Amino acid sequence: MQRTLSEREPYQFHHLSAFALGRHGDGGGRSEIWEEEEMKSGCRWRSEAAQRWKWGADPKKTEHLLALHGAKERLHLFKGNLLEEGSFDSMVNGCDSVFHTASPCFLTTSDPQAHFILATLDSPLQSKSGYLQSPANPKYWKELIDPALKGTLNVLGSCTKSPTAKRVVLTSSMASVECIGRPRPPNEITDETWFSNPEFCKENTLWYHLSKTLAEDAAWKFTKEKCSQTYPNVSYGWINVKDVANAHIQAYEIPSAIGRYCLVERIAHFSEVVKILHELYPSFQLPKKVSDDKPYILLHQVSKEKAKTLGIDFISLEEGLKEIVESLTEKKYFGM
């Protein structure tokens, strides 16, 4: 995740697809105006159209989006649920970029007398994954914090599953910046290094500010943990399963076949596999570094001579990897 509004390459822009997640018709005017401006660009857009996480889709609340210039050809609306893990998988799949632009904003909730304990990121209420679990029956938590926190993590989770998503733009709020819990002199300058203090937000019942602070903090933690992927510093012998199947048949049918046969097209380090996939599919988000600082495991090769007496014409690692990706795509495990 990078905190930049746009680093698009102009010559590619009109061929991009993007997914924008906001809350149309529920105080989501910011995202609606933003989408209206972006629709003028010629980019193809997908948009999450469920108003609040607990509401059903209401055509009256999205008809103004469908009336935008070019919407008929380039805007596709989806129903999503911020609290449902995997809800955005199909929406993100196939998109180049994802814009998460809004979460619920209320100054009061349906139960202003509610009393409950709020957890911080270091409290015993953390889940095993390190993120917050909600306490019993909290109204503020259900209406503000769950949709902001879980919703952000669910969107990011869908992005990590997509091989096409290149960039995520997350709209936070100055509410996650300025509530630092101490007096500020008039000449003090606020900048991007500031983060609101969750304890201060709780003590002063600044629930919206707390929701945005926790959501952004969780997003940065998620990005650090999930998006800094590495490949293992190991080498393997690679063989296409079709060659293995063919060798079994030939070993049965050829009378002279006897003894042991090594079936290895090549020994390749994981760095070579990543390089091949990157050359075949430049848009895929692949690990860029090895998992440790040790020298690469030295390669060796395996003789193919005896295997060739079975008539095996080895399928290359490049062709095999391409077949795997195309098969997984055809079966809709992911999109290209």
Protein backbone atom coordinates (compact mmCIF):
# COMPACT_ATOMS: atom_id res chain seq x y z
CA MET A 1 0.00 0.00 0.00
CA GLN A 2 1.37 3.37 -0.96
CA ARG A 3 0.00 6.72 0.13
CA THR A 4 -0.14 8.37 -3.21
CA LEU A 5 -3.19 9.49 -5.11
CA SER A 6 -1.85 8.74 -8.54
CA GLU A 7 1.26 7.42 -10.23
CA ARG A 8 -0.40 6.25 -13.42
CA GLU A 9 1.49 5.91 -16.68
CA PRO A 10 -0.40 8.15 -19.17
CA TYR A 11 0.05 5.87 -22.15
CA GLN A 12 -1.54 2.98 -20.23
CA PHE A 13 -4.28 4.93 -18.53
CA HIS A 14 -7.10 4.34 -20.98
CA HIS A 15 -6.55 0.58 -20.74
CA LEU A 16 -6.78 0.36 -16.96
CA SER A 17 -9.54 -1.13 -14.89
CA ALA A 18 -10.09 0.03 -11.32
CA PHE A 19 -12.28 -0.81 -8.37
CA ALA A 20 -13.56 1.98 -6.12
CA LEU A 21 -15.12 1.18 -2.77
CA GLY A 22 -17.15 3.90 -1.09
CA ARG A 23 -20.52 4.25 0.57
CA HIS A 24 -22.89 5.70 -1.99
CA GLY A 25 -25.98 7.39 -0.67
CA ASP A 26 -24.89 7.20 2.97
CA GLY A 27 -22.80 10.27 3.47
CA GLY A 28 -20.47 9.04 0.75
CA GLY A 29 -20.61 12.22 -1.30
CA ARG A 30 -16.84 12.47 -1.39
CA SER A 31 -16.49 9.15 -3.19
CA GLU A 32 -19.40 9.94 -5.51
CA ILE A 33 -17.91 13.25 -6.65
CA TRP A 34 -14.54 11.57 -7.01
CA GLU A 35 -16.01 8.84 -9.20
CA GLU A 36 -17.76 11.41 -11.36
CA GLU A 37 -14.43 13.10 -12.04
CA GLU A 38 -12.60 9.83 -12.66
CA MET A 39 -15.26 8.59 -15.08
CA LYS A 40 -14.23 11.45 -17.38
CA SER A 41 -10.76 9.93 -17.69
CA GLY A 42 -11.77 6.99 -19.87
CA CYS A 43 -10.75 4.39 -17.27
CA ARG A 44 -12.97 1.32 -16.78
CA TRP A 45 -14.42 1.24 -13.26
CA ARG A 46 -16.00 -1.22 -10.89
CA SER A 47 -17.71 0.13 -7.81
CA GLU A 48 -19.08 -1.32 -4.59
CA ALA A 49 -22.70 -0.23 -4.46
CA ALA A 50 -24.10 -1.48 -1.15
CA GLN A 51 -24.90 1.57 0.97
CA ARG A 52 -24.10 0.50 4.49
CA TRP A 53 -22.76 -2.87 5.47
CA LYS A 54 -26.19 -3.84 6.80
CA TRP A 55 -28.36 -2.37 4.04
CA GLY A 56 -29.44 -4.00 0.83
CA ALA A 57 -28.71 -2.36 -2.50
CA ASP A 58 -31.19 0.43 -3.30
CA PRO A 59 -31.35 1.37 -7.02
CA LYS A 60 -32.39 4.92 -6.14
CA LYS A 61 -29.12 5.44 -4.32
CA THR A 62 -26.99 4.41 -7.30
CA GLU A 63 -28.96 5.69 -10.28
CA HIS A 64 -26.96 8.95 -10.30
CA LEU A 65 -23.79 6.88 -10.81
CA LEU A 66 -25.29 5.01 -13.75
CA ALA A 67 -26.18 8.39 -15.25
CA LEU A 68 -22.52 9.47 -15.37
CA HIS A 69 -20.89 9.98 -18.74
CA GLY A 70 -19.59 6.64 -20.03
CA ALA A 71 -21.09 4.65 -17.15
CA LYS A 72 -23.08 2.38 -19.44
CA GLU A 73 -19.90 1.11 -21.08
CA ARG A 74 -17.33 1.44 -18.32
CA LEU A 75 -18.94 1.37 -14.86
CA HIS A 76 -19.98 -1.89 -13.22
CA LEU A 77 -21.67 -1.91 -9.82
CA PHE A 78 -21.31 -4.74 -7.33
CA LYS A 79 -22.98 -5.46 -4.02
CA GLY A 80 -20.45 -5.86 -1.24
CA ASN A 81 -20.36 -6.47 2.49
CA LEU A 82 -17.54 -4.83 4.44
CA LEU A 83 -17.83 -7.37 7.23
CA GLU A 84 -17.75 -10.44 5.01
CA GLU A 85 -14.31 -11.85 4.31
CA GLY A 86 -13.86 -12.53 0.59
CA SER A 87 -16.81 -10.31 -0.34
CA PHE A 88 -14.61 -8.23 -2.63
CA ASP A 89 -12.61 -11.03 -4.25
CA SER A 90 -14.58 -11.09 -7.50
CA MET A 91 -14.70 -7.29 -7.67
CA VAL A 92 -10.94 -6.81 -7.26
CA ASN A 93 -10.00 -9.67 -9.57
CA GLY A 94 -9.09 -8.29 -12.97
CA CYS A 95 -8.55 -4.72 -11.75
CA ASP A 96 -5.25 -2.85 -11.96
CA SER A 97 -5.91 -0.63 -8.96
CA VAL A 98 -8.17 -0.44 -5.92
CA PHE A 99 -9.39 2.75 -4.24
CA HIS A 100 -10.85 2.31 -0.75
CA THR A 101 -12.35 5.73 -0.21
CA ALA A 102 -14.77 5.72 2.74
CA SER A 103 -16.07 4.06 5.88
CA PRO A 104 -19.07 4.90 8.11
CA CYS A 105 -19.12 8.38 9.64
CA PHE A 106 -21.53 9.18 12.48
CA LEU A 107 -21.25 11.73 15.25
CA THR A 108 -23.69 9.70 17.34
CA THR A 109 -24.88 6.10 17.16
CA SER A 110 -28.22 4.41 17.63
CA ASP A 111 -27.45 3.82 21.31
CA PRO A 112 -25.68 6.89 22.77
CA GLN A 113 -26.00 5.41 26.29
CA ALA A 114 -24.04 2.28 25.42
CA HIS A 115 -21.20 1.46 27.81
CA PHE A 116 -18.51 -1.01 26.90
CA ILE A 117 -14.79 -1.56 26.96
CA LEU A 118 -12.85 -0.65 23.82
CA ALA A 119 -9.66 -2.51 23.03
CA THR A 120 -6.41 -1.06 21.78
CA LEU A 121 -4.02 -2.84 19.45
CA ASP A 122 -2.01 -4.02 22.46
CA SER A 123 -4.89 -5.28 24.60
CA PRO A 124 -5.92 -8.83 25.56
CA LEU A 125 -8.84 -8.52 23.14
CA GLN A 126 -6.52 -9.06 20.17
CA SER A 127 -7.23 -12.03 17.97
CA LYS A 128 -4.57 -14.57 17.07
CA SER A 129 -3.93 -12.64 13.85
CA GLY A 130 -2.96 -9.58 15.88
CA TYR A 131 -6.02 -7.52 15.03
CA LEU A 132 -8.86 -6.41 17.23
CA GLN A 133 -11.78 -8.50 18.33
CA SER A 134 -14.90 -6.62 19.33
CA PRO A 135 -16.18 -6.82 22.89
CA ALA A 136 -19.72 -8.00 23.67
CA ASN A 137 -22.55 -6.03 22.04
CA PRO A 138 -20.87 -2.67 21.48
CA LYS A 139 -23.05 -0.30 19.46
CA TYR A 140 -20.25 2.08 18.57
CA TRP A 141 -18.06 -0.82 17.62
CA LYS A 142 -20.69 -2.33 15.33
CA GLU A 143 -21.60 0.94 13.64
CA LEU A 144 -18.18 2.54 13.29
CA ILE A 145 -15.18 0.43 14.17
CA ASP A 146 -16.08 -2.97 12.73
CA PRO A 147 -16.89 -1.59 9.25
CA ALA A 148 -13.80 0.64 9.25
CA LEU A 149 -11.35 -1.88 10.66
CA LYS A 150 -12.63 -5.21 9.37
CA GLY A 151 -13.79 -3.61 6.14
CA THR A 152 -10.33 -2.25 5.38
CA LEU A 153 -8.68 -5.58 6.18
CA ASN A 154 -11.20 -7.48 4.06
CA VAL A 155 -10.55 -5.22 1.07
CA LEU A 156 -6.79 -5.56 1.48
CA GLY A 157 -7.20 -9.32 1.86
CA SER A 158 -8.98 -9.47 -1.49
CA CYS A 159 -6.18 -7.40 -3.05
CA THR A 160 -3.53 -9.87 -1.92
CA LYS A 161 -5.43 -12.69 -3.66
CA SER A 162 -5.58 -10.83 -6.98
CA PRO A 163 -2.67 -11.29 -9.40
CA THR A 164 -3.70 -8.17 -11.32
CA ALA A 165 -3.98 -5.50 -8.61
CA LYS A 166 -0.85 -3.34 -8.82
CA ARG A 167 -1.68 -0.56 -6.39
CA VAL A 168 -4.03 0.18 -3.50
CA VAL A 169 -4.99 3.73 -2.57
CA LEU A 170 -6.54 3.97 0.89
CA THR A 171 -8.36 7.13 1.95
CA SER A 172 -7.94 7.64 5.68
CA SER A 173 -8.85 10.87 7.49
CA MET A 174 -7.27 13.75 9.35
CA ALA A 175 -9.14 12.18 12.27
CA SER A 176 -6.33 9.60 12.32
CA VAL A 177 -3.71 12.33 12.41
CA GLU A 178 -4.60 15.18 14.73
CA CYS A 179 -5.94 13.65 17.98
CA ILE A 180 -2.55 13.32 19.63
CA GLY A 181 -3.73 13.82 23.19
CA ARG A 182 -1.73 16.92 24.18
CA PRO A 183 -1.98 20.69 23.71
CA ARG A 184 -0.36 22.06 20.59
CA PRO A 185 1.31 25.43 20.36
CA PRO A 186 -0.01 27.70 17.57
CA ASN A 187 3.18 27.43 15.53
CA GLU A 188 3.36 23.62 15.57
CA ILE A 189 2.97 22.06 12.12
CA THR A 190 1.03 18.85 11.59
CA ASP A 191 2.47 16.48 9.01
CA GLU A 192 2.16 12.90 7.74
CA THR A 193 4.24 11.43 10.58
CA TRP A 194 1.51 12.16 13.15
CA PHE A 195 -0.93 9.52 14.32
CA SER A 196 -3.91 9.99 16.61
CA ASN A 197 -3.70 8.44 20.07
CA PRO A 198 -6.33 5.66 20.43
CA GLU A 199 -6.48 6.06 24.21
CA PHE A 200 -7.17 9.77 23.87
CA CYS A 201 -9.93 9.05 21.35
CA LYS A 202 -11.55 6.55 23.71
CA GLU A 203 -11.33 8.80 26.75
CA ASN A 204 -13.00 11.61 24.81
CA THR A 205 -15.56 9.35 23.10
CA LEU A 206 -14.20 10.26 19.65
CA TRP A 207 -15.47 7.05 18.13
CA TYR A 208 -15.15 8.04 14.48
CA HIS A 209 -11.60 9.25 15.09
CA LEU A 210 -10.85 5.97 16.82
CA SER A 211 -12.28 3.94 13.95
CA LYS A 212 -10.12 5.71 11.36
CA THR A 213 -7.02 5.50 13.55
CA LEU A 214 -7.39 1.77 14.18
CA ALA A 215 -8.26 1.07 10.54
CA GLU A 216 -5.22 2.87 9.19
CA ASP A 217 -2.91 1.35 11.77
CA ALA A 218 -4.20 -2.12 10.88
CA ALA A 219 -3.77 -1.38 7.17
CA TRP A 220 -0.11 -0.49 7.61
CA LYS A 221 0.49 -3.60 9.73
CA PHE A 222 -1.31 -5.77 7.19
CA THR A 223 0.77 -4.32 4.36
CA LYS A 224 4.02 -4.90 6.21
CA GLU A 225 3.12 -8.48 7.05
CA LYS A 226 1.36 -9.61 3.89
CA CYS A 227 2.88 -7.57 1.08
CA SER A 228 6.56 -7.98 1.88
CA GLN A 229 6.55 -11.45 0.35
CA THR A 230 9.71 -13.40 -0.31
CA TYR A 231 10.59 -16.59 -2.15
CA PRO A 232 12.52 -19.43 -0.47
CA ASN A 233 16.25 -19.82 -0.97
CA VAL A 234 15.99 -23.34 -2.31
CA SER A 235 16.37 -25.20 -5.58
CA TYR A 236 14.16 -28.03 -6.76
CA GLY A 237 14.04 -30.56 -9.54
CA TRP A 238 11.11 -29.61 -11.79
CA ILE A 239 9.16 -31.97 -14.03
CA ASN A 240 5.86 -31.62 -15.83
CA VAL A 241 3.27 -34.08 -14.55
CA LYS A 242 2.38 -34.97 -18.14
CA ASP A 243 5.96 -36.17 -18.68
CA VAL A 244 5.69 -38.28 -15.53
CA ALA A 245 2.44 -39.85 -16.76
CA ASN A 246 3.97 -40.50 -20.18
CA ALA A 247 7.05 -42.12 -18.61
CA HIS A 248 4.83 -44.52 -16.66
CA ILE A 249 3.06 -45.58 -19.84
CA GLN A 250 6.31 -45.98 -21.78
CA ALA A 251 7.91 -47.97 -18.95
CA TYR A 252 5.00 -50.38 -19.22
CA GLU A 253 4.80 -50.56 -23.03
CA ILE A 254 8.52 -50.67 -23.98
CA PRO A 255 9.82 -54.25 -23.49
CA SER A 256 13.42 -53.13 -22.99
CA ALA A 257 12.55 -50.68 -20.21
CA ILE A 258 14.17 -51.76 -16.97
CA GLY A 259 15.75 -50.29 -13.89
CA ARG A 260 15.67 -46.73 -12.53
CA TYR A 261 14.83 -43.56 -14.46
CA CYS A 262 15.41 -40.01 -13.20
CA LEU A 263 12.70 -37.65 -14.38
CA VAL A 264 13.90 -34.05 -14.02
CA GLU A 265 13.56 -31.41 -16.74
CA ARG A 266 15.90 -29.11 -14.83
CA ILE A 267 17.10 -28.05 -11.41
CA ALA A 268 16.02 -24.45 -10.84
CA HIS A 269 16.22 -22.03 -7.95
CA PHE A 270 13.00 -20.29 -6.92
CA SER A 271 14.49 -17.03 -8.18
CA GLU A 272 14.44 -18.51 -11.70
CA VAL A 273 10.80 -19.55 -11.30
CA VAL A 274 9.86 -16.02 -10.20
CA LYS A 275 11.84 -14.56 -13.12
CA ILE A 276 10.05 -16.82 -15.63
CA LEU A 277 6.62 -15.92 -14.22
CA HIS A 278 7.47 -12.22 -14.30
CA GLU A 279 8.51 -12.45 -17.97
CA LEU A 280 5.35 -14.38 -18.86
CA TYR A 281 2.99 -12.23 -16.78
CA PRO A 282 4.50 -8.78 -16.08
CA SER A 283 1.34 -7.60 -14.29
CA PHE A 284 1.53 -10.30 -11.61
CA GLN A 285 2.53 -9.18 -8.14
CA LEU A 286 5.40 -11.55 -7.33
CA PRO A 287 7.96 -11.72 -4.52
CA LYS A 288 11.00 -9.58 -5.27
CA LYS A 289 13.54 -10.85 -2.77
CA VAL A 290 14.80 -14.07 -1.25
CA SER A 291 13.74 -15.03 2.26
CA ASP A 292 17.27 -14.84 3.73
CA ASP A 293 20.64 -13.19 3.13
CA LYS A 294 22.52 -16.42 2.51
CA PRO A 295 24.11 -17.20 -0.87
CA TYR A 296 21.85 -19.00 -3.32
CA ILE A 297 21.88 -22.77 -3.03
CA LEU A 298 24.30 -24.09 -5.66
CA LEU A 299 22.63 -25.75 -8.61
CA HIS A 300 23.33 -29.17 -10.03
CA GLN A 301 21.71 -30.94 -12.92
CA VAL A 302 20.35 -34.43 -13.49
CA SER A 303 21.07 -36.63 -16.47
CA LYS A 304 18.21 -37.02 -18.94
CA GLU A 305 19.89 -39.64 -21.10
CA LYS A 306 18.21 -42.76 -19.74
CA ALA A 307 14.82 -41.04 -19.53
CA LYS A 308 15.10 -40.17 -23.21
CA THR A 309 15.30 -43.90 -24.07
CA LEU A 310 11.63 -43.98 -23.05
CA GLY A 311 10.94 -41.41 -25.75
CA ILE A 312 10.41 -38.58 -23.26
CA ASP A 313 10.73 -35.14 -24.87
CA PHE A 314 10.72 -33.03 -21.73
CA ILE A 315 8.26 -30.14 -21.49
CA SER A 316 10.18 -27.03 -20.44
CA LEU A 317 9.72 -25.36 -17.05
CA GLU A 318 8.57 -22.21 -18.88
CA GLU A 319 5.83 -24.07 -20.74
CA GLY A 320 4.80 -25.92 -17.60
CA LEU A 321 4.44 -22.75 -15.54
CA LYS A 322 2.38 -21.17 -18.30
CA GLU A 323 0.09 -24.21 -18.39
CA ILE A 324 -0.39 -24.01 -14.61
CA VAL A 325 -1.36 -20.34 -14.67
CA GLU A 326 -3.72 -20.80 -17.61
CA SER A 327 -5.34 -23.83 -15.96
CA LEU A 328 -5.88 -21.99 -12.66
CA THR A 329 -7.28 -19.03 -14.56
CA GLU A 330 -9.65 -21.20 -16.58
CA LYS A 331 -10.91 -22.78 -13.38
CA LYS A 332 -11.38 -19.28 -11.94
CA TYR A 333 -8.96 -19.68 -9.04
CA PHE A 334 -7.71 -16.23 -10.04
CA GLY A 335 -7.92 -13.82 -12.97
CA MET A 336 -5.31 -12.51 -15.35
